[in-house]
Amino acid sequence: MQYVTSVEKIGMQKGMQKGMQKGEASVLLRQLQRRFGQLPDPVKAKVTNAELPLLETWTDRILDAKTLEDVFVN
């Protein structure tokens, strides 16, 4: 049985979190482009650099948003 140190566990958790963030950002970018057309570079950067909870909020909002700006409203 292989032993995993607490430092390794933390690293694995951070890696999983980063992977989830990248996946969520990728899906959101595809949905936004399909719904609103070509996305401005600042929007792409905003999505790519956002944390997972915010990405999840934006992903939910896309269902009701009339405009691209509606997705990102505070």
C-alpha atoms as a PDB file:
ATOM      1  CA  MET A   1       0.000   0.000   0.000  1.00  0.00           C
ATOM      2  CA  GLN A   2       1.400   3.347  -1.009  1.00  0.00           C
ATOM      3  CA  TYR A   3       1.358   6.097   1.589  1.00  0.00           C
ATOM      4  CA  VAL A   4       0.412   9.621   0.597  1.00  0.00           C
ATOM      5  CA  THR A   5       1.658  12.484   2.720  1.00  0.00           C
ATOM      6  CA  SER A   6      -0.567  15.381   3.684  1.00  0.00           C
ATOM      7  CA  VAL A   7       1.479  17.632   1.397  1.00  0.00           C
ATOM      8  CA  GLU A   8       0.846  15.268  -1.512  1.00  0.00           C
ATOM      9  CA  LYS A   9      -2.879  15.179  -0.688  1.00  0.00           C
ATOM     10  CA  ILE A  10      -3.009  18.977  -0.725  1.00  0.00           C
ATOM     11  CA  GLY A  11      -1.219  19.005  -4.076  1.00  0.00           C
ATOM     12  CA  MET A  12      -3.614  16.454  -5.510  1.00  0.00           C
ATOM     13  CA  GLN A  13      -6.622  18.428  -4.272  1.00  0.00           C
ATOM     14  CA  LYS A  14      -5.277  21.641  -5.790  1.00  0.00           C
ATOM     15  CA  GLY A  15      -4.639  19.836  -9.069  1.00  0.00           C
ATOM     16  CA  MET A  16      -8.169  18.447  -9.129  1.00  0.00           C
ATOM     17  CA  GLN A  17      -9.601  21.884  -8.321  1.00  0.00           C
ATOM     18  CA  LYS A  18      -7.585  23.476 -11.140  1.00  0.00           C
ATOM     19  CA  GLY A  19      -8.747  20.778 -13.542  1.00  0.00           C
ATOM     20  CA  MET A  20     -12.381  21.359 -12.587  1.00  0.00           C
ATOM     21  CA  GLN A  21     -11.911  25.111 -13.031  1.00  0.00           C
ATOM     22  CA  LYS A  22     -10.416  24.669 -16.498  1.00  0.00           C
ATOM     23  CA  GLY A  23     -13.209  22.304 -17.527  1.00  0.00           C
ATOM     24  CA  GLU A  24     -15.949  24.603 -16.284  1.00  0.00           C
ATOM     25  CA  ALA A  25     -14.334  27.579 -18.035  1.00  0.00           C
ATOM     26  CA  SER A  26     -14.114  25.622 -21.280  1.00  0.00           C
ATOM     27  CA  VAL A  27     -17.790  24.651 -21.178  1.00  0.00           C
ATOM     28  CA  LEU A  28     -18.876  28.182 -20.304  1.00  0.00           C
ATOM     29  CA  LEU A  29     -16.838  29.678 -23.150  1.00  0.00           C
ATOM     30  CA  ARG A  30     -18.414  27.253 -25.625  1.00  0.00           C
ATOM     31  CA  GLN A  31     -21.922  28.028 -24.352  1.00  0.00           C
ATOM     32  CA  LEU A  32     -21.320  31.780 -24.433  1.00  0.00           C
ATOM     33  CA  GLN A  33     -19.984  31.660 -27.971  1.00  0.00           C
ATOM     34  CA  ARG A  34     -22.864  29.526 -29.166  1.00  0.00           C
ATOM     35  CA  ARG A  35     -25.427  31.828 -27.537  1.00  0.00           C
ATOM     36  CA  PHE A  36     -23.885  35.249 -28.189  1.00  0.00           C
ATOM     37  CA  GLY A  37     -21.436  34.732 -31.064  1.00  0.00           C
ATOM     38  CA  GLN A  38     -17.767  35.663 -31.161  1.00  0.00           C
ATOM     39  CA  LEU A  39     -16.553  36.637 -27.684  1.00  0.00           C
ATOM     40  CA  PRO A  40     -14.374  39.675 -26.991  1.00  0.00           C
ATOM     41  CA  ASP A  41     -10.903  38.871 -25.660  1.00  0.00           C
ATOM     42  CA  PRO A  42     -11.601  40.531 -22.268  1.00  0.00           C
ATOM     43  CA  VAL A  43     -14.561  38.173 -21.751  1.00  0.00           C
ATOM     44  CA  LYS A  44     -12.433  35.160 -22.621  1.00  0.00           C
ATOM     45  CA  ALA A  45      -9.771  36.296 -20.158  1.00  0.00           C
ATOM     46  CA  LYS A  46     -12.371  36.950 -17.457  1.00  0.00           C
ATOM     47  CA  VAL A  47     -13.780  33.445 -17.784  1.00  0.00           C
ATOM     48  CA  THR A  48     -10.394  31.757 -18.063  1.00  0.00           C
ATOM     49  CA  ASN A  49      -9.113  33.435 -14.883  1.00  0.00           C
ATOM     50  CA  ALA A  50     -12.262  33.072 -12.754  1.00  0.00           C
ATOM     51  CA  GLU A  51     -12.531  30.804  -9.724  1.00  0.00           C
ATOM     52  CA  LEU A  52     -14.822  27.772  -9.814  1.00  0.00           C
ATOM     53  CA  PRO A  53     -17.729  29.162  -7.714  1.00  0.00           C
ATOM     54  CA  LEU A  54     -18.009  32.204  -9.970  1.00  0.00           C
ATOM     55  CA  LEU A  55     -17.843  30.045 -13.092  1.00  0.00           C
ATOM     56  CA  GLU A  56     -20.691  27.940 -11.743  1.00  0.00           C
ATOM     57  CA  THR A  57     -22.775  31.067 -11.115  1.00  0.00           C
ATOM     58  CA  TRP A  58     -22.154  32.348 -14.633  1.00  0.00           C
ATOM     59  CA  THR A  59     -22.940  28.938 -16.118  1.00  0.00           C
ATOM     60  CA  ASP A  60     -26.323  28.986 -14.366  1.00  0.00           C
ATOM     61  CA  ARG A  61     -27.051  32.540 -15.518  1.00  0.00           C
ATOM     62  CA  ILE A  62     -26.533  31.762 -19.185  1.00  0.00           C
ATOM     63  CA  LEU A  63     -29.905  30.006 -19.220  1.00  0.00           C
ATOM     64  CA  ASP A  64     -31.818  33.217 -18.464  1.00  0.00           C
ATOM     65  CA  ALA A  65     -29.456  35.865 -19.859  1.00  0.00           C
ATOM     66  CA  LYS A  66     -30.745  38.009 -22.695  1.00  0.00           C
ATOM     67  CA  THR A  67     -27.319  39.579 -23.316  1.00  0.00           C
ATOM     68  CA  LEU A  68     -23.713  38.668 -22.672  1.00  0.00           C
ATOM     69  CA  GLU A  69     -23.585  41.353 -19.997  1.00  0.00           C
ATOM     70  CA  ASP A  70     -26.470  39.669 -18.123  1.00  0.00           C
ATOM     71  CA  VAL A  71     -24.267  36.644 -17.513  1.00  0.00           C
ATOM     72  CA  PHE A  72     -21.667  38.687 -15.640  1.00  0.00           C
ATOM     73  CA  VAL A  73     -23.878  41.099 -13.688  1.00  0.00           C
ATOM     74  CA  ASN A  74     -23.107  41.217  -9.959  1.00  0.00           C
END
